[in-house]
Amino acid sequence: MITRALVIAVLSLIISTAACTRANGQQKAGEGTSKGGFILQPEEGEVLRLGGPPGGQVIIKVDPAKTGSPQMAMGIQYVEGEIPIHLHEQEEEFLFVHRGHGVGILGEDRVPLKEGATIYIPPGTWHGFENTDDDASQIMWVVTPGTGKSTQLEKFFRAAGAPPGTEVKSLTPERFADIMEKHGMKTKP
């Protein structure tokens, strides 16, 4: 069982091993740190707004393309509705419920979740999340690639999401599934 201490340890590892790029592009890699890591405030990172489902927005905090972390990607997702049931073909993932409540789906199991809950998801495992709050639930996600691969989840969010100040993409379920498949994921039929 993954504990809050493990989540904190993983976040510490993320912060200490990556180079930095703020969403506004003004912070230089390693700025304000002594070892090339970085510190981001809650609102900092690459913000992308999402149409439904899942609705809400995602803030990519760490990834290979923009922060230089070759081993993982991490972000915060504000889920208004649901994260549709899907799987990652190559990536391990864990979800941590930072704020809100919902139902976690892992394989055939559906489990009520509260703040502090964690879901570990091995590659090839069907999973999803249904928000049961009136407000968006805040979910932290971390993905790590299979051997010799790079992460794909943040690339999916960039393809499906829209930066602030631009129109949110209206995606049909078929188009949403196509984008997922292009980025190493499958939706459950």
Protein backbone atom coordinates (compact mmCIF):
# COMPACT_ATOMS: atom_id res chain seq x y z
CA MET A 1 0.00 0.00 0.00
CA ILE A 2 1.42 3.38 -1.00
CA THR A 3 1.40 5.78 1.94
CA ARG A 4 1.42 9.54 2.25
CA ALA A 5 5.14 9.26 3.21
CA LEU A 6 5.85 7.52 -0.12
CA VAL A 7 3.99 10.25 -2.02
CA ILE A 8 6.10 12.88 -0.25
CA ALA A 9 9.27 10.91 -1.02
CA VAL A 10 8.32 10.65 -4.71
CA LEU A 11 7.59 14.38 -4.88
CA SER A 12 10.94 15.12 -3.23
CA LEU A 13 12.65 12.93 -5.82
CA ILE A 14 10.83 14.70 -8.64
CA ILE A 15 11.78 18.12 -7.36
CA SER A 16 15.42 17.17 -6.76
CA THR A 17 16.08 15.45 -10.11
CA ALA A 18 14.49 17.62 -12.81
CA ALA A 19 15.43 20.90 -14.51
CA CYS A 20 12.88 23.72 -14.46
CA THR A 21 10.67 25.54 -16.92
CA ARG A 22 7.79 27.61 -15.57
CA ALA A 23 4.56 27.82 -17.53
CA ASN A 24 5.32 31.44 -18.40
CA GLY A 25 8.77 30.47 -19.69
CA GLN A 26 10.57 33.09 -17.58
CA GLN A 27 12.27 30.83 -15.06
CA LYS A 28 15.51 29.28 -16.23
CA ALA A 29 16.46 25.67 -15.55
CA GLY A 30 17.63 25.28 -11.99
CA GLU A 31 16.89 28.90 -11.06
CA GLY A 32 16.78 29.36 -7.33
CA THR A 33 18.29 25.96 -6.57
CA SER A 34 21.80 24.69 -6.01
CA LYS A 35 21.63 21.34 -7.84
CA GLY A 36 19.58 21.98 -10.99
CA GLY A 37 16.26 20.98 -9.47
CA PHE A 38 13.36 23.35 -9.17
CA ILE A 39 10.49 24.47 -6.99
CA LEU A 40 7.03 25.23 -8.38
CA GLN A 41 4.23 26.96 -6.53
CA PRO A 42 0.72 25.41 -6.74
CA GLU A 43 -0.39 27.48 -9.75
CA GLU A 44 2.90 27.09 -11.64
CA GLY A 45 3.47 24.59 -14.44
CA GLU A 46 1.99 24.04 -17.88
CA VAL A 47 -1.75 24.68 -17.54
CA LEU A 48 -4.13 22.97 -19.98
CA ARG A 49 -7.91 23.21 -19.86
CA LEU A 50 -9.86 20.07 -20.70
CA GLY A 51 -13.26 19.63 -22.30
CA GLY A 52 -15.54 16.88 -21.10
CA PRO A 53 -14.90 14.19 -20.15
CA PRO A 54 -13.01 14.63 -17.88
CA GLY A 55 -13.48 18.40 -17.84
CA GLY A 56 -11.48 20.67 -15.58
CA GLN A 57 -7.81 21.31 -16.12
CA VAL A 58 -4.40 19.74 -15.71
CA ILE A 59 -1.15 21.37 -14.63
CA ILE A 60 1.88 19.47 -15.89
CA LYS A 61 4.62 19.97 -13.32
CA VAL A 62 7.35 17.54 -14.43
CA ASP A 63 7.95 15.85 -17.78
CA PRO A 64 10.74 14.83 -20.15
CA ALA A 65 10.02 17.50 -22.78
CA LYS A 66 9.86 20.68 -20.72
CA THR A 67 11.55 19.96 -17.39
CA GLY A 68 14.10 17.38 -18.45
CA SER A 69 13.04 14.50 -16.20
CA PRO A 70 13.78 11.34 -18.22
CA GLN A 71 12.14 8.94 -15.77
CA MET A 72 8.71 10.36 -14.99
CA ALA A 73 5.98 12.88 -15.56
CA MET A 74 3.87 14.40 -12.80
CA GLY A 75 0.92 16.73 -12.71
CA ILE A 76 -2.18 17.88 -10.92
CA GLN A 77 -5.57 17.25 -12.53
CA TYR A 78 -8.76 19.02 -11.48
CA VAL A 79 -11.48 16.51 -12.38
CA GLU A 80 -14.99 17.92 -12.72
CA GLY A 81 -16.66 14.76 -14.00
CA GLU A 82 -14.62 11.64 -14.56
CA ILE A 83 -11.39 10.26 -15.87
CA PRO A 84 -12.77 7.69 -18.34
CA ILE A 85 -11.77 4.07 -17.85
CA HIS A 86 -8.57 3.50 -19.81
CA LEU A 87 -5.19 1.79 -19.64
CA HIS A 88 -1.59 2.73 -20.34
CA GLU A 89 0.18 0.13 -22.44
CA GLN A 90 3.71 0.90 -21.17
CA GLU A 91 3.46 3.23 -18.19
CA GLU A 92 3.07 2.67 -14.48
CA GLU A 93 0.95 5.31 -12.78
CA PHE A 94 -0.20 6.32 -9.40
CA LEU A 95 -3.03 8.68 -8.55
CA PHE A 96 -3.21 10.51 -5.24
CA VAL A 97 -6.45 12.24 -4.17
CA HIS A 98 -5.26 15.57 -2.82
CA ARG A 99 -8.69 17.21 -2.49
CA GLY A 100 -12.18 15.91 -2.94
CA HIS A 101 -13.85 12.52 -3.05
CA GLY A 102 -14.71 10.07 -5.75
CA VAL A 103 -14.82 6.50 -6.90
CA GLY A 104 -11.58 4.86 -7.97
CA ILE A 105 -11.82 2.19 -10.64
CA LEU A 106 -9.06 -0.41 -10.86
CA GLY A 107 -9.79 -3.45 -13.01
CA GLU A 108 -13.28 -4.58 -11.99
CA ASP A 109 -13.06 -2.93 -8.54
CA ARG A 110 -14.90 0.30 -7.74
CA VAL A 111 -13.78 1.80 -4.43
CA PRO A 112 -14.97 5.01 -2.73
CA LEU A 113 -12.01 7.36 -2.26
CA LYS A 114 -11.44 10.25 0.11
CA GLU A 115 -8.64 12.80 0.48
CA GLY A 116 -5.31 11.04 0.92
CA ALA A 117 -6.27 7.91 -1.02
CA THR A 118 -3.76 6.45 -3.49
CA ILE A 119 -4.23 4.14 -6.47
CA TYR A 120 -1.22 2.28 -7.91
CA ILE A 121 -1.76 1.23 -11.55
CA PRO A 122 0.56 -1.25 -13.28
CA PRO A 123 0.93 -1.04 -17.09
CA GLY A 124 -1.99 -2.62 -18.98
CA THR A 125 -4.49 -2.18 -16.11
CA TRP A 126 -7.92 -0.62 -16.70
CA HIS A 127 -8.52 2.33 -14.37
CA GLY A 128 -10.49 5.53 -13.98
CA PHE A 129 -11.86 8.04 -11.50
CA GLU A 130 -15.36 9.45 -10.96
CA ASN A 131 -15.65 12.71 -9.05
CA THR A 132 -18.49 12.63 -6.49
CA ASP A 133 -18.00 16.17 -5.14
CA ASP A 134 -19.88 19.26 -6.26
CA ASP A 135 -16.49 20.90 -6.91
CA ALA A 136 -13.62 19.50 -8.96
CA SER A 137 -11.51 16.88 -7.22
CA GLN A 138 -7.77 17.53 -7.25
CA ILE A 139 -5.79 14.44 -8.27
CA MET A 140 -2.00 14.20 -8.44
CA TRP A 141 -0.73 11.77 -11.10
CA VAL A 142 2.75 10.37 -11.61
CA VAL A 143 3.70 8.13 -14.53
CA THR A 144 6.94 6.30 -15.21
CA PRO A 145 7.79 4.75 -18.55
CA GLY A 146 8.59 1.18 -19.42
CA THR A 147 12.26 0.39 -19.96
CA GLY A 148 13.80 2.59 -22.63
CA LYS A 149 10.56 4.50 -23.26
CA SER A 150 9.49 8.06 -22.55
CA THR A 151 6.27 9.02 -20.82
CA GLN A 152 3.15 9.64 -22.91
CA LEU A 153 0.48 10.98 -20.53
CA GLU A 154 1.63 14.59 -20.65
CA LYS A 155 1.73 14.38 -24.46
CA PHE A 156 -1.89 13.21 -24.40
CA PHE A 157 -2.90 16.18 -22.24
CA ARG A 158 -1.19 18.57 -24.67
CA ALA A 159 -3.05 17.00 -27.62
CA ALA A 160 -6.45 16.98 -25.86
CA GLY A 161 -6.14 20.17 -23.79
CA ALA A 162 -6.03 23.86 -24.53
CA PRO A 163 -3.75 26.49 -22.96
CA PRO A 164 -5.40 29.37 -21.08
CA GLY A 165 -6.73 32.04 -23.40
CA THR A 166 -7.58 29.57 -26.16
CA GLU A 167 -10.80 27.73 -26.88
CA VAL A 168 -11.30 24.41 -25.07
CA LYS A 169 -11.28 21.57 -27.59
CA SER A 170 -14.62 19.91 -28.21
CA LEU A 171 -13.73 16.26 -28.76
CA THR A 172 -16.08 13.51 -29.84
CA PRO A 173 -15.65 10.22 -27.96
CA GLU A 174 -14.08 8.78 -31.11
CA ARG A 175 -11.55 11.63 -31.43
CA PHE A 176 -10.78 11.39 -27.69
CA ALA A 177 -10.11 7.65 -28.10
CA ASP A 178 -7.91 8.32 -31.16
CA ILE A 179 -5.77 10.80 -29.19
CA MET A 180 -5.47 8.33 -26.32
CA GLU A 181 -4.39 5.52 -28.64
CA LYS A 182 -1.79 7.74 -30.30
CA HIS A 183 -0.26 8.25 -26.85
CA GLY A 184 -0.09 4.64 -25.69
CA MET A 185 -3.51 4.39 -24.05
CA LYS A 186 -6.75 2.60 -24.81
CA THR A 187 -10.29 3.39 -23.72
CA LYS A 188 -12.44 0.62 -22.40
CA PRO A 189 -15.00 -0.48 -25.02
